[in-house]
Amino acid sequence: MPDITICPTCGSDKIKKVQRDLAREFQGQSYTVPALEFYECPNCGERFYDREAVQKMQACSPAFAKPQTQRARAKARVPITAGARAAA
């Protein structure tokens, strides 16, 4: 993304590239995108994200988490040995 010097929304020349942690929530689950770089206009509050910023947001967001398959969930389970069953 080329440098933005004028806010496309309000026309302000005060728009700046900033870097900060971005805290969000998706379906009640909070998450943070650390050290995200984007353009922000102090005049109107509009934010502009380039491709890298969007990819970073998607990587951190639970909305884009790949659901586990049944096979992956089965592999993640700890097997119970015969001795452990007898003790239980």
N, C-alpha and C. Protein backbone atom coordinates (compact mmCIF):
# COMPACT_ATOMS: atom_id res chain seq x y z
N MET A 1 0.85 -1.17 0.00
CA MET A 1 0.00 0.00 0.00
C MET A 1 0.90 1.24 0.00
N PRO A 2 0.64 2.16 -0.89
CA PRO A 2 1.43 3.39 -0.89
C PRO A 2 1.10 4.22 0.35
N ASP A 3 2.02 5.10 0.73
CA ASP A 3 1.75 5.97 1.87
C ASP A 3 0.51 6.80 1.63
N ILE A 4 -0.34 6.88 2.64
CA ILE A 4 -1.56 7.69 2.56
C ILE A 4 -1.26 9.02 3.24
N THR A 5 -1.46 10.11 2.53
CA THR A 5 -1.18 11.44 3.10
C THR A 5 -2.45 12.24 3.31
N ILE A 6 -3.53 11.86 2.64
CA ILE A 6 -4.83 12.53 2.78
C ILE A 6 -5.87 11.47 3.12
N CYS A 7 -6.67 11.71 4.14
CA CYS A 7 -7.73 10.77 4.50
C CYS A 7 -8.79 10.73 3.41
N PRO A 8 -9.04 9.57 2.82
CA PRO A 8 -10.05 9.48 1.77
C PRO A 8 -11.48 9.72 2.28
N THR A 9 -11.68 9.60 3.58
CA THR A 9 -13.02 9.78 4.14
C THR A 9 -13.35 11.24 4.41
N CYS A 10 -12.43 11.97 5.07
CA CYS A 10 -12.75 13.35 5.45
C CYS A 10 -11.86 14.40 4.78
N GLY A 11 -10.78 13.95 4.11
CA GLY A 11 -9.90 14.90 3.43
C GLY A 11 -8.81 15.51 4.31
N SER A 12 -8.71 15.10 5.54
CA SER A 12 -7.70 15.64 6.46
C SER A 12 -6.30 15.23 6.00
N ASP A 13 -5.35 16.14 6.22
CA ASP A 13 -3.96 15.81 5.91
C ASP A 13 -3.21 15.37 7.17
N LYS A 14 -3.92 15.06 8.23
CA LYS A 14 -3.33 14.66 9.51
C LYS A 14 -3.21 13.14 9.66
N ILE A 15 -3.60 12.38 8.67
CA ILE A 15 -3.57 10.92 8.76
C ILE A 15 -2.14 10.44 8.98
N LYS A 16 -1.99 9.43 9.84
CA LYS A 16 -0.66 8.94 10.18
C LYS A 16 -0.64 7.42 10.22
N LYS A 17 0.55 6.88 9.93
CA LYS A 17 0.75 5.45 10.09
C LYS A 17 1.10 5.21 11.55
N VAL A 18 0.38 4.29 12.18
CA VAL A 18 0.59 3.99 13.59
C VAL A 18 0.85 2.51 13.76
N GLN A 19 1.41 2.17 14.91
CA GLN A 19 1.63 0.76 15.26
C GLN A 19 1.19 0.58 16.70
N ARG A 20 0.25 -0.32 16.91
CA ARG A 20 -0.21 -0.60 18.27
C ARG A 20 -0.89 -1.95 18.32
N ASP A 21 -1.04 -2.44 19.53
CA ASP A 21 -1.80 -3.68 19.73
C ASP A 21 -3.27 -3.36 19.50
N LEU A 22 -3.94 -4.23 18.78
CA LEU A 22 -5.35 -4.03 18.47
C LEU A 22 -6.16 -5.10 19.17
N ALA A 23 -6.99 -4.69 20.12
CA ALA A 23 -7.82 -5.63 20.87
C ALA A 23 -9.20 -5.71 20.23
N ARG A 24 -9.68 -6.92 20.02
CA ARG A 24 -10.98 -7.14 19.39
C ARG A 24 -11.69 -8.28 20.10
N GLU A 25 -12.95 -8.48 19.71
CA GLU A 25 -13.74 -9.57 20.26
C GLU A 25 -14.55 -10.20 19.13
N PHE A 26 -14.64 -11.52 19.16
CA PHE A 26 -15.45 -12.25 18.19
C PHE A 26 -16.26 -13.29 18.94
N GLN A 27 -17.57 -13.18 18.85
CA GLN A 27 -18.49 -14.10 19.51
C GLN A 27 -18.12 -14.33 20.97
N GLY A 28 -17.85 -13.24 21.67
CA GLY A 28 -17.54 -13.31 23.09
C GLY A 28 -16.11 -13.70 23.42
N GLN A 29 -15.31 -13.98 22.42
CA GLN A 29 -13.92 -14.38 22.64
C GLN A 29 -13.00 -13.22 22.30
N SER A 30 -12.27 -12.73 23.30
CA SER A 30 -11.34 -11.61 23.11
C SER A 30 -10.03 -12.11 22.50
N TYR A 31 -9.43 -11.27 21.68
CA TYR A 31 -8.12 -11.57 21.12
C TYR A 31 -7.40 -10.26 20.84
N THR A 32 -6.08 -10.33 20.73
CA THR A 32 -5.26 -9.14 20.47
C THR A 32 -4.36 -9.41 19.28
N VAL A 33 -4.27 -8.42 18.42
CA VAL A 33 -3.33 -8.46 17.31
C VAL A 33 -2.15 -7.58 17.74
N PRO A 34 -1.00 -8.18 18.04
CA PRO A 34 0.13 -7.39 18.56
C PRO A 34 0.84 -6.59 17.46
N ALA A 35 1.25 -5.38 17.83
CA ALA A 35 2.09 -4.53 16.97
C ALA A 35 1.56 -4.40 15.54
N LEU A 36 0.27 -4.13 15.41
CA LEU A 36 -0.34 -3.99 14.08
C LEU A 36 -0.06 -2.60 13.52
N GLU A 37 0.38 -2.53 12.26
CA GLU A 37 0.61 -1.25 11.60
C GLU A 37 -0.55 -0.93 10.67
N PHE A 38 -1.06 0.30 10.79
CA PHE A 38 -2.16 0.74 9.93
C PHE A 38 -2.19 2.26 9.91
N TYR A 39 -2.99 2.83 9.02
CA TYR A 39 -3.16 4.27 8.95
C TYR A 39 -4.41 4.65 9.74
N GLU A 40 -4.31 5.76 10.48
CA GLU A 40 -5.45 6.21 11.27
C GLU A 40 -5.58 7.73 11.13
N CYS A 41 -6.79 8.19 10.94
CA CYS A 41 -7.05 9.62 10.83
C CYS A 41 -7.53 10.14 12.19
N PRO A 42 -6.79 11.07 12.80
CA PRO A 42 -7.23 11.62 14.08
C PRO A 42 -8.44 12.53 13.95
N ASN A 43 -8.72 12.98 12.74
CA ASN A 43 -9.84 13.89 12.52
C ASN A 43 -11.19 13.15 12.55
N CYS A 44 -11.27 12.05 11.82
CA CYS A 44 -12.56 11.33 11.72
C CYS A 44 -12.52 9.93 12.34
N GLY A 45 -11.32 9.46 12.70
CA GLY A 45 -11.20 8.15 13.33
C GLY A 45 -11.12 6.99 12.36
N GLU A 46 -11.20 7.26 11.08
CA GLU A 46 -11.14 6.18 10.08
C GLU A 46 -9.79 5.48 10.13
N ARG A 47 -9.84 4.15 9.92
CA ARG A 47 -8.62 3.34 9.89
C ARG A 47 -8.52 2.64 8.54
N PHE A 48 -7.28 2.52 8.06
CA PHE A 48 -7.03 1.86 6.79
C PHE A 48 -5.96 0.81 7.00
N TYR A 49 -6.25 -0.41 6.54
CA TYR A 49 -5.36 -1.55 6.74
C TYR A 49 -4.85 -2.05 5.40
N ASP A 50 -3.54 -2.30 5.30
CA ASP A 50 -3.02 -2.87 4.08
C ASP A 50 -3.16 -4.40 4.15
N ARG A 51 -2.73 -5.07 3.10
CA ARG A 51 -2.88 -6.52 3.00
C ARG A 51 -2.19 -7.25 4.15
N GLU A 52 -0.97 -6.82 4.48
CA GLU A 52 -0.24 -7.47 5.58
C GLU A 52 -0.98 -7.33 6.90
N ALA A 53 -1.55 -6.16 7.15
CA ALA A 53 -2.29 -5.94 8.39
C ALA A 53 -3.53 -6.84 8.44
N VAL A 54 -4.23 -6.94 7.33
CA VAL A 54 -5.42 -7.79 7.29
C VAL A 54 -5.04 -9.26 7.51
N GLN A 55 -3.96 -9.69 6.89
CA GLN A 55 -3.51 -11.08 7.09
C GLN A 55 -3.13 -11.33 8.54
N LYS A 56 -2.50 -10.36 9.18
CA LYS A 56 -2.13 -10.51 10.58
C LYS A 56 -3.38 -10.57 11.47
N MET A 57 -4.38 -9.73 11.15
CA MET A 57 -5.64 -9.76 11.91
C MET A 57 -6.33 -11.11 11.74
N GLN A 58 -6.35 -11.63 10.52
CA GLN A 58 -6.98 -12.92 10.27
C GLN A 58 -6.25 -14.05 11.01
N ALA A 59 -4.93 -13.97 11.07
CA ALA A 59 -4.15 -15.01 11.74
C ALA A 59 -4.43 -15.03 13.25
N CYS A 60 -4.76 -13.88 13.82
CA CYS A 60 -5.01 -13.80 15.27
C CYS A 60 -6.48 -13.99 15.63
N SER A 61 -7.37 -13.83 14.68
CA SER A 61 -8.80 -13.86 14.97
C SER A 61 -9.36 -15.27 15.06
N PRO A 62 -10.17 -15.54 16.08
CA PRO A 62 -10.82 -16.85 16.16
C PRO A 62 -11.84 -17.06 15.04
N ALA A 63 -12.26 -15.99 14.38
CA ALA A 63 -13.21 -16.12 13.28
C ALA A 63 -12.59 -16.88 12.11
N PHE A 64 -11.27 -16.85 12.00
CA PHE A 64 -10.59 -17.51 10.90
C PHE A 64 -9.85 -18.76 11.32
N ALA A 65 -10.06 -19.19 12.56
CA ALA A 65 -9.42 -20.42 13.04
C ALA A 65 -10.02 -21.60 12.31
N LYS A 66 -9.16 -22.51 11.89
CA LYS A 66 -9.64 -23.69 11.19
C LYS A 66 -10.24 -24.66 12.21
N PRO A 67 -11.45 -25.12 11.94
CA PRO A 67 -12.05 -26.07 12.89
C PRO A 67 -11.29 -27.38 12.88
N GLN A 68 -11.17 -27.98 14.06
CA GLN A 68 -10.49 -29.27 14.15
C GLN A 68 -11.39 -30.35 13.56
N THR A 69 -10.78 -31.23 12.84
CA THR A 69 -11.52 -32.37 12.31
C THR A 69 -11.68 -33.40 13.42
N GLN A 70 -12.58 -34.32 13.23
CA GLN A 70 -12.81 -35.36 14.23
C GLN A 70 -11.53 -36.17 14.43
N ARG A 71 -10.81 -36.41 13.36
CA ARG A 71 -9.57 -37.17 13.43
C ARG A 71 -8.51 -36.43 14.27
N ALA A 72 -8.40 -35.11 14.06
CA ALA A 72 -7.44 -34.31 14.83
C ALA A 72 -7.81 -34.30 16.31
N ARG A 73 -9.11 -34.19 16.62
CA ARG A 73 -9.53 -34.23 18.01
C ARG A 73 -9.19 -35.57 18.64
N ALA A 74 -9.37 -36.67 17.90
CA ALA A 74 -9.07 -38.00 18.41
C ALA A 74 -7.57 -38.14 18.68
N LYS A 75 -6.73 -37.58 17.81
CA LYS A 75 -5.28 -37.65 18.00
C LYS A 75 -4.86 -36.85 19.23
N ALA A 76 -5.58 -35.77 19.51
CA ALA A 76 -5.22 -34.90 20.63
C ALA A 76 -5.56 -35.53 21.98
N ARG A 77 -6.44 -36.49 21.99
CA ARG A 77 -6.82 -37.13 23.25
C ARG A 77 -5.69 -37.99 23.77
N VAL A 78 -5.56 -38.02 25.07
CA VAL A 78 -4.56 -38.86 25.71
C VAL A 78 -5.16 -40.23 25.92
N PRO A 79 -4.52 -41.29 25.42
CA PRO A 79 -5.09 -42.63 25.57
C PRO A 79 -5.00 -43.09 27.03
N ILE A 80 -6.01 -43.84 27.44
CA ILE A 80 -6.01 -44.41 28.79
C ILE A 80 -5.48 -45.82 28.68
N THR A 81 -4.49 -46.12 29.48
CA THR A 81 -3.89 -47.47 29.45
C THR A 81 -4.72 -48.40 30.31
N ALA A 82 -4.51 -49.69 30.14
CA ALA A 82 -5.26 -50.69 30.87
C ALA A 82 -5.04 -50.54 32.37
N GLY A 83 -3.83 -50.23 32.80
CA GLY A 83 -3.54 -50.04 34.23
C GLY A 83 -4.28 -48.87 34.82
N ALA A 84 -4.44 -47.79 34.05
CA ALA A 84 -5.14 -46.62 34.52
C ALA A 84 -6.63 -46.90 34.69
N ARG A 85 -7.19 -47.73 33.81
CA ARG A 85 -8.60 -48.09 33.92
C ARG A 85 -8.86 -48.88 35.18
N ALA A 86 -7.97 -49.80 35.52
CA ALA A 86 -8.14 -50.64 36.70
C ALA A 86 -8.06 -49.81 37.97
N ALA A 87 -7.23 -48.76 37.96
CA ALA A 87 -7.07 -47.92 39.14
C ALA A 87 -8.29 -47.02 39.34
N ALA A 88 -8.99 -46.73 38.26
CA ALA A 88 -10.14 -45.81 38.33
C ALA A 88 -11.34 -46.49 38.84
